[in-house]
């Protein structure tokens, strides 16, 4: 009594930053969520993340290093944020210096769980040459590890020093054992060489939800 107001009588909100709390009803229970989580229900096709600068130059290292630089948007899906049939598309491009016979392995991960992997690539000579990594993801099943399933496929290509010649690989990966949609998932893409004299850096990275 005395507390009922029309929505039009409430104070008007200013620009939203995604942290605002909204009421939702799930299975008859009233809960709250943040405004930025509405991206997952308002559209089936939209941008999630766009890198706005170069990644850290990965060189002098034979351990896994992150290929993704800073940007705008999000690389995370909140717990229970995936739906069956969700699909995603990622493209990275950049520069690299590789030496004949050295190896490179690129892994796509969430919470140290591998979602896709190129496998070990034997490299050819490439001095400050362009490369491109393209990946497609499909969430076939949702749930805890052992129930959830994500399928990934893609290509990694680069220009060799030899004029007009491209090198690379196609890859595909199914994770139906350790992928878990009931927890927060944050995308990481790493590269790992077997020689400290190689280097790689991403210049552009865009992640989109496509379905």
N, C-alpha and C. Protein backbone atom coordinates (compact mmCIF):
# COMPACT_ATOMS: atom_id res chain seq x y z
N UNK A 1 0.85 -1.18 0.00
CA UNK A 1 0.00 0.00 0.00
C UNK A 1 0.89 1.24 0.00
N UNK A 2 0.64 2.09 -0.96
CA UNK A 2 1.44 3.29 -1.04
C UNK A 2 2.74 3.11 -1.80
N UNK A 3 3.07 1.83 -2.16
CA UNK A 3 4.32 1.57 -2.86
C UNK A 3 4.09 1.27 -4.33
N UNK A 4 2.83 1.06 -4.74
CA UNK A 4 2.54 0.76 -6.13
C UNK A 4 2.75 1.99 -6.99
N UNK A 5 3.53 1.80 -8.08
CA UNK A 5 3.75 2.89 -9.03
C UNK A 5 3.71 2.33 -10.44
N UNK A 6 3.27 3.15 -11.36
CA UNK A 6 3.39 2.80 -12.76
C UNK A 6 4.87 2.89 -13.17
N UNK A 7 5.23 2.10 -14.17
CA UNK A 7 6.61 2.16 -14.64
C UNK A 7 6.95 3.58 -15.08
N UNK A 8 5.99 4.25 -15.69
CA UNK A 8 6.24 5.61 -16.18
C UNK A 8 6.48 6.60 -15.04
N UNK A 9 6.14 6.21 -13.80
CA UNK A 9 6.33 7.08 -12.65
C UNK A 9 7.69 6.87 -11.98
N UNK A 10 8.42 5.83 -12.40
CA UNK A 10 9.74 5.57 -11.82
C UNK A 10 10.78 6.50 -12.42
N UNK A 11 11.93 6.69 -11.72
CA UNK A 11 13.00 7.51 -12.30
C UNK A 11 13.47 6.91 -13.63
N UNK A 12 13.79 7.77 -14.57
CA UNK A 12 14.23 7.31 -15.88
C UNK A 12 15.72 6.94 -15.84
N UNK A 13 16.05 5.77 -16.39
CA UNK A 13 17.45 5.32 -16.44
C UNK A 13 18.19 6.06 -17.54
N UNK A 14 19.50 6.27 -17.31
CA UNK A 14 20.34 6.86 -18.33
C UNK A 14 20.91 5.78 -19.24
N UNK A 15 22.08 6.05 -19.82
CA UNK A 15 22.72 5.07 -20.71
C UNK A 15 23.05 3.80 -19.93
N UNK A 16 22.77 2.64 -20.53
CA UNK A 16 23.02 1.36 -19.88
C UNK A 16 24.44 0.89 -20.15
N UNK A 17 25.06 0.26 -19.14
CA UNK A 17 26.39 -0.29 -19.33
C UNK A 17 26.41 -1.81 -19.23
N UNK A 18 25.24 -2.43 -19.08
CA UNK A 18 25.15 -3.89 -19.04
C UNK A 18 25.12 -4.48 -17.66
N UNK A 19 25.42 -3.67 -16.62
CA UNK A 19 25.45 -4.20 -15.25
C UNK A 19 24.12 -4.03 -14.53
N UNK A 20 23.15 -3.41 -15.17
CA UNK A 20 21.86 -3.16 -14.54
C UNK A 20 21.14 -4.50 -14.27
N UNK A 21 20.36 -4.54 -13.19
CA UNK A 21 19.64 -5.75 -12.81
C UNK A 21 18.20 -5.68 -13.32
N UNK A 22 17.75 -6.77 -13.91
CA UNK A 22 16.41 -6.87 -14.45
C UNK A 22 15.73 -8.11 -13.89
N UNK A 23 14.42 -8.05 -13.74
CA UNK A 23 13.66 -9.20 -13.24
C UNK A 23 13.29 -10.12 -14.41
N UNK A 24 13.45 -11.42 -14.21
CA UNK A 24 13.04 -12.42 -15.19
C UNK A 24 12.30 -13.54 -14.45
N UNK A 25 11.50 -14.31 -15.20
CA UNK A 25 10.81 -15.45 -14.62
C UNK A 25 11.25 -16.70 -15.35
N UNK A 26 11.81 -17.67 -14.61
CA UNK A 26 12.22 -18.96 -15.15
C UNK A 26 11.49 -20.06 -14.41
N UNK A 27 10.72 -20.87 -15.18
CA UNK A 27 9.98 -21.99 -14.60
C UNK A 27 9.11 -21.55 -13.43
N UNK A 28 8.51 -20.39 -13.56
CA UNK A 28 7.60 -19.89 -12.55
C UNK A 28 8.26 -19.22 -11.36
N UNK A 29 9.58 -19.10 -11.38
CA UNK A 29 10.32 -18.48 -10.28
C UNK A 29 10.89 -17.15 -10.75
N UNK A 30 10.63 -16.09 -9.98
CA UNK A 30 11.15 -14.77 -10.32
C UNK A 30 12.60 -14.67 -9.88
N UNK A 31 13.48 -14.30 -10.81
CA UNK A 31 14.92 -14.18 -10.55
C UNK A 31 15.38 -12.85 -11.13
N UNK A 32 16.69 -12.58 -10.99
CA UNK A 32 17.24 -11.38 -11.62
C UNK A 32 18.38 -11.77 -12.53
N UNK A 33 18.68 -10.91 -13.49
CA UNK A 33 19.83 -11.09 -14.37
C UNK A 33 20.37 -9.72 -14.72
N UNK A 34 21.58 -9.68 -15.27
CA UNK A 34 22.15 -8.41 -15.71
C UNK A 34 21.71 -8.13 -17.14
N UNK A 35 21.63 -6.86 -17.47
CA UNK A 35 21.17 -6.46 -18.79
C UNK A 35 22.04 -7.02 -19.91
N UNK A 36 23.37 -7.16 -19.64
CA UNK A 36 24.25 -7.65 -20.72
C UNK A 36 23.98 -9.10 -21.07
N UNK A 37 23.29 -9.87 -20.19
CA UNK A 37 22.94 -11.24 -20.52
C UNK A 37 21.80 -11.32 -21.52
N UNK A 38 21.10 -10.22 -21.77
CA UNK A 38 20.00 -10.24 -22.71
C UNK A 38 20.47 -10.41 -24.14
N UNK A 39 21.78 -10.21 -24.40
CA UNK A 39 22.31 -10.46 -25.74
C UNK A 39 21.99 -11.87 -26.20
N UNK A 40 21.89 -12.79 -25.25
CA UNK A 40 21.71 -14.19 -25.62
C UNK A 40 20.28 -14.53 -25.98
N UNK A 41 19.34 -13.60 -25.78
CA UNK A 41 17.95 -13.91 -26.10
C UNK A 41 17.34 -12.91 -27.07
N UNK A 42 18.00 -11.81 -27.34
CA UNK A 42 17.41 -10.81 -28.21
C UNK A 42 17.72 -11.04 -29.68
N UNK A 43 18.75 -11.80 -29.99
CA UNK A 43 19.11 -12.01 -31.39
C UNK A 43 19.87 -13.31 -31.52
N UNK A 44 19.75 -13.93 -32.69
CA UNK A 44 20.50 -15.16 -32.96
C UNK A 44 21.81 -14.87 -33.67
N UNK A 45 22.05 -13.65 -34.10
CA UNK A 45 23.22 -13.35 -34.91
C UNK A 45 23.74 -11.97 -34.54
N UNK A 46 24.90 -11.92 -33.88
CA UNK A 46 25.42 -10.63 -33.45
C UNK A 46 26.90 -10.77 -33.08
N UNK A 47 27.58 -9.64 -33.03
CA UNK A 47 28.98 -9.64 -32.64
C UNK A 47 29.14 -9.80 -31.14
N UNK A 48 30.12 -10.60 -30.75
CA UNK A 48 30.43 -10.81 -29.34
C UNK A 48 31.68 -10.05 -28.92
N UNK A 49 32.70 -10.06 -29.78
CA UNK A 49 33.98 -9.45 -29.39
C UNK A 49 34.71 -8.99 -30.65
N UNK A 50 35.36 -7.84 -30.55
CA UNK A 50 36.22 -7.36 -31.62
C UNK A 50 37.50 -6.81 -31.02
N UNK A 51 38.63 -7.36 -31.44
CA UNK A 51 39.93 -6.91 -30.96
C UNK A 51 40.23 -5.53 -31.53
N UNK A 52 40.70 -4.63 -30.69
CA UNK A 52 40.92 -3.25 -31.12
C UNK A 52 42.40 -2.87 -31.19
N UNK A 53 43.28 -3.83 -31.06
CA UNK A 53 44.71 -3.59 -31.18
C UNK A 53 45.42 -4.91 -31.39
N UNK A 54 46.68 -4.85 -31.64
CA UNK A 54 47.45 -6.07 -31.84
C UNK A 54 47.61 -6.83 -30.52
N UNK A 55 47.70 -8.15 -30.63
CA UNK A 55 48.00 -8.95 -29.45
C UNK A 55 49.47 -8.76 -29.05
N UNK A 56 49.82 -9.27 -27.90
CA UNK A 56 51.23 -9.28 -27.51
C UNK A 56 52.01 -10.10 -28.53
N UNK A 57 53.17 -9.62 -28.94
CA UNK A 57 54.02 -10.36 -29.87
C UNK A 57 54.58 -11.57 -29.15
N UNK A 58 54.23 -12.76 -29.65
CA UNK A 58 54.68 -14.00 -29.02
C UNK A 58 55.99 -14.43 -29.66
N UNK A 59 57.06 -14.35 -28.92
CA UNK A 59 58.38 -14.71 -29.42
C UNK A 59 59.25 -15.14 -28.24
N UNK A 60 60.30 -15.86 -28.51
CA UNK A 60 61.20 -16.30 -27.46
C UNK A 60 60.55 -17.24 -26.48
N UNK A 61 59.52 -17.98 -26.91
CA UNK A 61 58.78 -18.83 -25.99
C UNK A 61 58.42 -20.14 -26.66
N UNK A 62 58.48 -21.23 -25.89
CA UNK A 62 58.02 -22.53 -26.38
C UNK A 62 56.91 -23.05 -25.47
N UNK A 63 56.20 -22.12 -24.82
CA UNK A 63 55.03 -22.46 -24.01
C UNK A 63 53.79 -21.86 -24.66
N UNK A 64 52.62 -22.26 -24.20
CA UNK A 64 51.38 -21.72 -24.75
C UNK A 64 51.23 -20.25 -24.37
N UNK A 65 50.95 -19.41 -25.36
CA UNK A 65 50.74 -17.98 -25.13
C UNK A 65 49.44 -17.57 -25.81
N UNK A 66 48.74 -16.60 -25.21
CA UNK A 66 47.44 -16.18 -25.72
C UNK A 66 47.59 -15.30 -26.97
N UNK A 67 46.86 -15.66 -28.03
CA UNK A 67 46.91 -14.92 -29.29
C UNK A 67 45.90 -13.77 -29.34
N UNK A 68 45.03 -13.67 -28.36
CA UNK A 68 43.97 -12.67 -28.39
C UNK A 68 44.42 -11.40 -27.66
N UNK A 69 44.26 -10.26 -28.32
CA UNK A 69 44.58 -8.98 -27.70
C UNK A 69 43.35 -8.34 -27.08
N UNK A 70 43.53 -7.14 -26.55
CA UNK A 70 42.42 -6.43 -25.93
C UNK A 70 41.41 -5.95 -26.96
N UNK A 71 40.17 -5.77 -26.50
CA UNK A 71 39.14 -5.32 -27.42
C UNK A 71 37.86 -4.96 -26.70
N UNK A 72 36.78 -4.90 -27.46
CA UNK A 72 35.47 -4.55 -26.91
C UNK A 72 34.53 -5.74 -27.06
N UNK A 73 33.58 -5.83 -26.13
CA UNK A 73 32.66 -6.96 -26.13
C UNK A 73 33.06 -7.97 -25.08
N UNK A 74 32.70 -9.22 -25.30
CA UNK A 74 32.96 -10.26 -24.32
C UNK A 74 33.43 -11.55 -24.99
N UNK A 75 34.31 -12.26 -24.30
CA UNK A 75 34.75 -13.59 -24.71
C UNK A 75 34.13 -14.65 -23.82
N UNK A 76 33.20 -14.26 -22.96
CA UNK A 76 32.64 -15.17 -21.96
C UNK A 76 31.16 -15.42 -22.21
N UNK A 77 30.74 -16.65 -21.91
CA UNK A 77 29.33 -17.02 -21.87
C UNK A 77 29.04 -17.44 -20.44
N UNK A 78 28.04 -16.83 -19.80
CA UNK A 78 27.77 -17.15 -18.39
C UNK A 78 27.24 -18.56 -18.22
N UNK A 79 27.30 -19.05 -17.00
CA UNK A 79 26.78 -20.38 -16.68
C UNK A 79 25.35 -20.50 -17.19
N UNK A 80 25.07 -21.60 -17.88
CA UNK A 80 23.75 -21.90 -18.46
C UNK A 80 23.34 -20.89 -19.53
N UNK A 81 24.32 -20.17 -20.08
CA UNK A 81 24.04 -19.20 -21.13
C UNK A 81 23.96 -19.80 -22.52
N UNK A 82 24.57 -20.97 -22.72
CA UNK A 82 24.47 -21.64 -24.02
C UNK A 82 23.09 -22.27 -24.19
N UNK A 83 22.63 -22.31 -25.45
CA UNK A 83 21.44 -23.05 -25.82
C UNK A 83 21.83 -24.11 -26.85
N UNK A 84 21.13 -25.22 -26.87
CA UNK A 84 21.38 -26.23 -27.89
C UNK A 84 21.20 -25.62 -29.27
N UNK A 85 22.17 -25.83 -30.12
CA UNK A 85 22.12 -25.28 -31.47
C UNK A 85 22.84 -23.96 -31.65
N UNK A 86 23.33 -23.37 -30.56
CA UNK A 86 24.11 -22.13 -30.70
C UNK A 86 25.30 -22.37 -31.63
N UNK A 87 25.59 -21.38 -32.46
CA UNK A 87 26.73 -21.48 -33.39
C UNK A 87 27.53 -20.19 -33.35
N UNK A 88 28.85 -20.31 -33.54
CA UNK A 88 29.76 -19.17 -33.44
C UNK A 88 30.78 -19.23 -34.57
N UNK A 89 31.34 -18.08 -34.91
CA UNK A 89 32.34 -17.97 -35.97
C UNK A 89 33.44 -17.02 -35.50
N UNK A 90 34.68 -17.46 -35.57
CA UNK A 90 35.83 -16.65 -35.16
C UNK A 90 36.82 -16.55 -36.31
N UNK A 91 37.37 -15.35 -36.49
CA UNK A 91 38.43 -15.12 -37.48
C UNK A 91 39.55 -14.33 -36.83
N UNK A 92 40.78 -14.83 -36.97
CA UNK A 92 41.98 -14.11 -36.54
C UNK A 92 42.89 -13.96 -37.74
N UNK A 93 43.56 -12.82 -37.85
CA UNK A 93 44.60 -12.63 -38.84
C UNK A 93 45.76 -11.90 -38.19
N UNK A 94 46.94 -12.09 -38.73
CA UNK A 94 48.11 -11.43 -38.16
C UNK A 94 49.35 -11.68 -38.96
N UNK A 95 50.50 -11.55 -38.30
CA UNK A 95 51.79 -11.76 -38.95
C UNK A 95 52.56 -12.84 -38.18
N UNK A 96 53.47 -13.50 -38.88
CA UNK A 96 54.29 -14.51 -38.23
C UNK A 96 55.62 -14.69 -38.94
N UNK A 97 56.60 -15.13 -38.20
CA UNK A 97 57.89 -15.52 -38.75
C UNK A 97 58.16 -16.95 -38.33
N UNK A 98 58.25 -17.84 -39.31
CA UNK A 98 58.43 -19.27 -39.07
C UNK A 98 59.69 -19.74 -39.81
N UNK A 99 60.25 -20.85 -39.31
CA UNK A 99 61.45 -21.41 -39.92
C UNK A 99 61.19 -22.84 -40.37
N UNK A 100 61.79 -23.20 -41.48
CA UNK A 100 61.56 -24.51 -42.08
C UNK A 100 61.85 -25.63 -41.08
N UNK A 101 60.87 -26.51 -40.87
CA UNK A 101 61.05 -27.65 -39.98
C UNK A 101 60.61 -27.42 -38.56
N UNK A 102 60.41 -26.14 -38.16
CA UNK A 102 59.89 -25.88 -36.81
C UNK A 102 58.40 -26.24 -36.76
N UNK A 103 57.83 -26.29 -35.55
CA UNK A 103 56.43 -26.69 -35.42
C UNK A 103 55.62 -25.64 -34.65
N UNK A 104 54.32 -25.64 -34.92
CA UNK A 104 53.38 -24.73 -34.28
C UNK A 104 52.11 -25.51 -33.97
N UNK A 105 51.57 -25.27 -32.77
CA UNK A 105 50.29 -25.88 -32.38
C UNK A 105 49.40 -24.77 -31.84
N UNK A 106 48.21 -24.61 -32.44
CA UNK A 106 47.25 -23.61 -31.98
C UNK A 106 46.09 -24.33 -31.32
N UNK A 107 45.75 -23.89 -30.10
CA UNK A 107 44.67 -24.51 -29.34
C UNK A 107 43.61 -23.46 -29.01
N UNK A 108 42.36 -23.87 -29.12
CA UNK A 108 41.21 -23.04 -28.75
C UNK A 108 40.62 -23.65 -27.49
N UNK A 109 40.55 -22.85 -26.40
CA UNK A 109 40.21 -23.43 -25.11
C UNK A 109 39.21 -22.56 -24.35
N UNK A 110 38.57 -23.20 -23.39
CA UNK A 110 37.77 -22.51 -22.39
C UNK A 110 38.03 -23.18 -21.05
N UNK A 111 38.49 -22.42 -20.07
CA UNK A 111 38.80 -22.97 -18.75
C UNK A 111 39.77 -24.16 -18.86
N UNK A 112 40.76 -24.02 -19.75
CA UNK A 112 41.77 -25.06 -20.00
C UNK A 112 41.20 -26.31 -20.65
N UNK A 113 39.95 -26.28 -21.07
CA UNK A 113 39.33 -27.38 -21.81
C UNK A 113 39.49 -27.10 -23.30
N UNK A 114 40.06 -28.03 -24.05
CA UNK A 114 40.30 -27.82 -25.47
C UNK A 114 38.99 -27.97 -26.26
N UNK A 115 38.67 -26.91 -27.02
CA UNK A 115 37.49 -26.91 -27.89
C UNK A 115 37.86 -27.19 -29.34
N UNK A 116 39.09 -26.85 -29.72
CA UNK A 116 39.58 -27.10 -31.08
C UNK A 116 41.10 -27.02 -31.05
N UNK A 117 41.73 -27.68 -32.01
CA UNK A 117 43.19 -27.68 -32.06
C UNK A 117 43.65 -27.97 -33.48
N UNK A 118 44.65 -27.22 -33.93
CA UNK A 118 45.19 -27.48 -35.26
C UNK A 118 45.99 -28.77 -35.31
N UNK A 119 46.50 -29.21 -34.15
CA UNK A 119 47.49 -30.27 -34.15
C UNK A 119 48.85 -29.67 -34.46
N UNK A 120 49.89 -30.45 -34.35
CA UNK A 120 51.25 -29.95 -34.58
C UNK A 120 51.50 -29.76 -36.07
N UNK A 121 51.78 -28.51 -36.45
CA UNK A 121 52.05 -28.17 -37.84
C UNK A 121 53.55 -28.04 -38.07
N UNK A 122 54.06 -28.69 -39.09
CA UNK A 122 55.45 -28.52 -39.49
C UNK A 122 55.53 -27.33 -40.43
N UNK A 123 56.34 -26.34 -40.05
CA UNK A 123 56.33 -25.05 -40.72
C UNK A 123 57.35 -24.96 -41.86
N UNK A 124 57.05 -24.08 -42.79
CA UNK A 124 57.99 -23.70 -43.85
C UNK A 124 58.46 -22.27 -43.58
N UNK A 125 59.50 -21.84 -44.27
CA UNK A 125 60.05 -20.50 -44.07
C UNK A 125 59.00 -19.43 -44.40
N UNK A 126 58.80 -18.52 -43.45
CA UNK A 126 57.89 -17.39 -43.65
C UNK A 126 58.41 -16.24 -42.81
N UNK A 127 58.82 -15.16 -43.45
CA UNK A 127 59.42 -14.03 -42.76
C UNK A 127 58.45 -12.87 -42.73
N UNK A 128 57.87 -12.62 -41.54
CA UNK A 128 56.92 -11.52 -41.36
C UNK A 128 55.77 -11.63 -42.36
N UNK A 129 55.22 -12.84 -42.47
CA UNK A 129 54.17 -13.12 -43.44
C UNK A 129 52.79 -13.15 -42.78
N UNK A 130 51.76 -12.97 -43.59
CA UNK A 130 50.39 -12.97 -43.10
C UNK A 130 49.87 -14.39 -42.88
N UNK A 131 49.00 -14.51 -41.87
CA UNK A 131 48.32 -15.79 -41.61
C UNK A 131 46.86 -15.51 -41.25
N UNK A 132 46.04 -16.55 -41.35
CA UNK A 132 44.63 -16.43 -40.98
C UNK A 132 44.16 -17.73 -40.33
N UNK A 133 43.44 -17.57 -39.23
CA UNK A 133 42.81 -18.69 -38.53
C UNK A 133 41.31 -18.44 -38.54
N UNK A 134 40.54 -19.42 -39.03
CA UNK A 134 39.08 -19.32 -39.07
C UNK A 134 38.48 -20.55 -38.41
N UNK A 135 37.53 -20.34 -37.50
CA UNK A 135 36.96 -21.44 -36.73
C UNK A 135 35.44 -21.30 -36.68
N UNK A 136 34.75 -22.42 -36.83
CA UNK A 136 33.31 -22.51 -36.66
C UNK A 136 33.02 -23.43 -35.47
N UNK A 137 32.05 -23.02 -34.63
CA UNK A 137 31.67 -23.80 -33.46
C UNK A 137 30.16 -24.10 -33.51
N UNK A 138 29.78 -25.30 -33.06
CA UNK A 138 28.37 -25.65 -32.92
C UNK A 138 28.16 -26.34 -31.58
N UNK A 139 27.23 -25.81 -30.76
CA UNK A 139 26.91 -26.43 -29.48
C UNK A 139 25.79 -27.45 -29.74
N UNK A 140 26.15 -28.72 -29.78
CA UNK A 140 25.17 -29.77 -30.12
C UNK A 140 24.34 -30.21 -28.93
N UNK A 141 24.95 -30.19 -27.74
CA UNK A 141 24.24 -30.57 -26.52
C UNK A 141 24.69 -29.65 -25.40
N UNK A 142 23.80 -29.37 -24.45
CA UNK A 142 24.15 -28.57 -23.29
C UNK A 142 24.07 -29.44 -22.04
N UNK A 143 24.72 -28.98 -20.97
CA UNK A 143 24.70 -29.72 -19.72
C UNK A 143 26.09 -29.77 -19.10
N UNK A 144 26.24 -30.64 -18.13
CA UNK A 144 27.53 -30.81 -17.47
C UNK A 144 28.49 -31.62 -18.34
N UNK A 145 29.76 -31.66 -17.93
CA UNK A 145 30.76 -32.44 -18.65
C UNK A 145 30.30 -33.89 -18.74
N UNK A 146 30.43 -34.45 -19.93
CA UNK A 146 29.95 -35.80 -20.18
C UNK A 146 28.61 -35.83 -20.88
N UNK A 147 27.87 -34.72 -20.78
CA UNK A 147 26.58 -34.57 -21.49
C UNK A 147 26.69 -33.53 -22.59
N UNK A 148 27.29 -32.38 -22.27
CA UNK A 148 27.43 -31.30 -23.25
C UNK A 148 28.36 -31.73 -24.38
N UNK A 149 28.13 -31.16 -25.56
CA UNK A 149 28.99 -31.46 -26.72
C UNK A 149 29.14 -30.22 -27.58
N UNK A 150 30.37 -29.90 -27.93
CA UNK A 150 30.65 -28.82 -28.87
C UNK A 150 31.53 -29.36 -29.99
N UNK A 151 31.17 -29.01 -31.21
CA UNK A 151 31.90 -29.45 -32.40
C UNK A 151 32.53 -28.22 -33.04
N UNK A 152 33.80 -28.32 -33.40
CA UNK A 152 34.53 -27.20 -33.98
C UNK A 152 35.25 -27.66 -35.23
N UNK A 153 35.39 -26.75 -36.18
CA UNK A 153 36.15 -27.04 -37.40
C UNK A 153 36.70 -25.73 -37.94
N UNK A 154 37.82 -25.82 -38.66
CA UNK A 154 38.38 -24.59 -39.18
C UNK A 154 39.60 -24.81 -40.04
N UNK A 155 40.27 -23.71 -40.36
CA UNK A 155 41.48 -23.73 -41.17
C UNK A 155 42.50 -22.76 -40.60
N UNK A 156 43.77 -23.10 -40.75
CA UNK A 156 44.87 -22.18 -40.47
C UNK A 156 45.73 -22.13 -41.72
N UNK A 157 45.94 -20.93 -42.25
CA UNK A 157 46.71 -20.76 -43.48
C UNK A 157 47.70 -19.61 -43.31
N UNK A 158 48.86 -19.72 -43.98
CA UNK A 158 49.83 -18.63 -43.98
C UNK A 158 50.57 -18.60 -45.31
N UNK A 159 51.14 -17.44 -45.61
CA UNK A 159 51.93 -17.25 -46.83
C UNK A 159 53.38 -17.62 -46.56
N UNK A 160 53.93 -18.48 -47.40
CA UNK A 160 55.36 -18.82 -47.29
C UNK A 160 56.20 -17.72 -47.95
N UNK A 161 57.51 -17.78 -47.69
CA UNK A 161 58.42 -16.86 -48.38
C UNK A 161 58.43 -17.13 -49.88
N UNK A 162 58.26 -18.39 -50.25
CA UNK A 162 58.20 -18.73 -51.67
C UNK A 162 57.00 -18.04 -52.30
N UNK A 163 57.24 -17.25 -53.32
CA UNK A 163 56.20 -16.37 -53.89
C UNK A 163 54.96 -17.16 -54.29
N UNK A 164 53.80 -16.65 -53.83
CA UNK A 164 52.53 -17.20 -54.26
C UNK A 164 52.15 -18.52 -53.62
N UNK A 165 52.91 -19.00 -52.63
CA UNK A 165 52.62 -20.31 -52.05
C UNK A 165 52.00 -20.17 -50.67
N UNK A 166 50.91 -20.91 -50.45
CA UNK A 166 50.23 -20.94 -49.16
C UNK A 166 50.46 -22.29 -48.50
N UNK A 167 50.45 -22.28 -47.16
CA UNK A 167 50.62 -23.51 -46.39
C UNK A 167 49.60 -23.48 -45.25
N UNK A 168 49.27 -24.64 -44.74
CA UNK A 168 48.33 -24.67 -43.63
C UNK A 168 47.64 -26.00 -43.49
N UNK A 169 46.50 -25.97 -42.79
CA UNK A 169 45.80 -27.22 -42.51
C UNK A 169 44.32 -26.96 -42.25
N UNK A 170 43.51 -28.00 -42.48
CA UNK A 170 42.13 -28.03 -42.02
C UNK A 170 42.08 -28.86 -40.74
N UNK A 171 41.18 -28.54 -39.84
CA UNK A 171 41.09 -29.31 -38.60
C UNK A 171 39.64 -29.38 -38.14
N UNK A 172 39.33 -30.38 -37.36
CA UNK A 172 38.01 -30.50 -36.73
C UNK A 172 38.18 -31.17 -35.38
N UNK A 173 37.23 -30.94 -34.49
CA UNK A 173 37.37 -31.42 -33.12
C UNK A 173 35.99 -31.57 -32.50
N UNK A 174 35.77 -32.65 -31.77
CA UNK A 174 34.53 -32.86 -31.02
C UNK A 174 34.89 -33.03 -29.55
N UNK A 175 34.29 -32.21 -28.70
CA UNK A 175 34.48 -32.37 -27.25
C UNK A 175 33.13 -32.72 -26.63
N UNK A 176 32.99 -33.97 -26.23
CA UNK A 176 31.77 -34.44 -25.57
C UNK A 176 32.08 -35.02 -24.19
N UNK A 177 33.28 -34.71 -23.68
CA UNK A 177 33.69 -35.29 -22.40
C UNK A 177 33.96 -34.25 -21.32
N UNK A 178 34.52 -33.09 -21.69
CA UNK A 178 34.93 -32.12 -20.67
C UNK A 178 34.32 -30.74 -20.86
N UNK A 179 33.60 -30.50 -21.95
CA UNK A 179 32.89 -29.24 -22.16
C UNK A 179 31.69 -29.18 -21.22
N UNK A 180 31.50 -28.05 -20.54
CA UNK A 180 30.46 -27.92 -19.51
C UNK A 180 29.75 -26.58 -19.69
N UNK A 181 28.46 -26.60 -20.01
CA UNK A 181 27.72 -25.36 -20.21
C UNK A 181 27.08 -24.84 -18.94
N UNK A 182 27.20 -25.57 -17.83
CA UNK A 182 26.60 -25.14 -16.57
C UNK A 182 27.52 -24.22 -15.77
N UNK A 183 28.71 -23.94 -16.32
CA UNK A 183 29.66 -23.04 -15.68
C UNK A 183 30.01 -21.92 -16.65
N UNK A 184 30.64 -20.85 -16.14
CA UNK A 184 31.10 -19.78 -17.02
C UNK A 184 32.15 -20.32 -17.98
N UNK A 185 32.09 -19.91 -19.24
CA UNK A 185 33.08 -20.30 -20.24
C UNK A 185 33.69 -19.05 -20.86
N UNK A 186 35.02 -18.99 -20.89
CA UNK A 186 35.74 -17.85 -21.47
C UNK A 186 36.72 -18.36 -22.52
N UNK A 187 36.63 -17.81 -23.73
CA UNK A 187 37.43 -18.28 -24.85
C UNK A 187 38.86 -17.78 -24.77
N UNK A 188 39.80 -18.68 -25.02
CA UNK A 188 41.23 -18.35 -25.11
C UNK A 188 41.78 -19.09 -26.33
N UNK A 189 42.64 -18.44 -27.10
CA UNK A 189 43.29 -19.08 -28.24
C UNK A 189 44.80 -18.94 -28.04
N UNK A 190 45.50 -20.06 -27.98
CA UNK A 190 46.94 -20.04 -27.70
C UNK A 190 47.74 -20.59 -28.87
N UNK A 191 48.99 -20.16 -28.94
CA UNK A 191 49.94 -20.72 -29.89
C UNK A 191 51.16 -21.23 -29.12
N UNK A 192 51.80 -22.26 -29.67
CA UNK A 192 52.98 -22.84 -29.03
C UNK A 192 53.94 -23.33 -30.11
N UNK A 193 55.17 -22.83 -30.05
CA UNK A 193 56.22 -23.24 -30.97
C UNK A 193 57.15 -24.26 -30.29
N UNK A 194 58.01 -24.89 -31.11
CA UNK A 194 59.07 -25.73 -30.55
C UNK A 194 60.43 -25.05 -30.70
N UNK A 195 60.43 -23.78 -31.14
CA UNK A 195 61.67 -23.04 -31.36
C UNK A 195 61.47 -21.61 -30.89
N UNK A 196 62.39 -21.11 -30.07
CA UNK A 196 62.24 -19.76 -29.51
C UNK A 196 62.48 -18.66 -30.54
N UNK A 197 62.93 -19.01 -31.75
CA UNK A 197 63.21 -18.00 -32.75
C UNK A 197 62.01 -17.68 -33.64
N UNK A 198 60.91 -18.42 -33.48
CA UNK A 198 59.69 -18.12 -34.23
C UNK A 198 58.91 -17.01 -33.51
N UNK A 199 58.01 -16.36 -34.23
CA UNK A 199 57.15 -15.36 -33.60
C UNK A 199 55.80 -15.33 -34.31
N UNK A 200 54.79 -14.86 -33.57
CA UNK A 200 53.45 -14.74 -34.13
C UNK A 200 52.70 -13.66 -33.37
N UNK A 201 51.80 -12.96 -34.06
CA UNK A 201 51.01 -11.90 -33.46
C UNK A 201 49.71 -11.76 -34.23
N UNK A 202 48.61 -11.57 -33.51
CA UNK A 202 47.33 -11.32 -34.18
C UNK A 202 47.11 -9.81 -34.30
N UNK A 203 46.53 -9.42 -35.42
CA UNK A 203 46.21 -8.01 -35.68
C UNK A 203 44.70 -7.77 -35.63
N UNK A 204 43.95 -8.76 -36.05
CA UNK A 204 42.49 -8.66 -36.07
C UNK A 204 41.92 -9.94 -35.48
N UNK A 205 40.93 -9.81 -34.61
CA UNK A 205 40.19 -10.96 -34.11
C UNK A 205 38.74 -10.55 -33.89
N UNK A 206 37.84 -11.27 -34.52
CA UNK A 206 36.41 -11.00 -34.37
C UNK A 206 35.68 -12.30 -34.07
N UNK A 207 34.83 -12.26 -33.05
CA UNK A 207 34.01 -13.41 -32.66
C UNK A 207 32.54 -13.03 -32.81
N UNK A 208 31.81 -13.83 -33.58
CA UNK A 208 30.39 -13.58 -33.82
C UNK A 208 29.56 -14.80 -33.43
N UNK A 209 28.36 -14.53 -32.93
CA UNK A 209 27.36 -15.58 -32.79
C UNK A 209 26.55 -15.59 -34.08
N UNK A 210 26.43 -16.76 -34.69
CA UNK A 210 25.81 -16.84 -36.02
C UNK A 210 24.45 -17.53 -36.00
N UNK A 211 24.10 -18.19 -34.89
CA UNK A 211 22.79 -18.82 -34.78
C UNK A 211 22.44 -19.01 -33.32
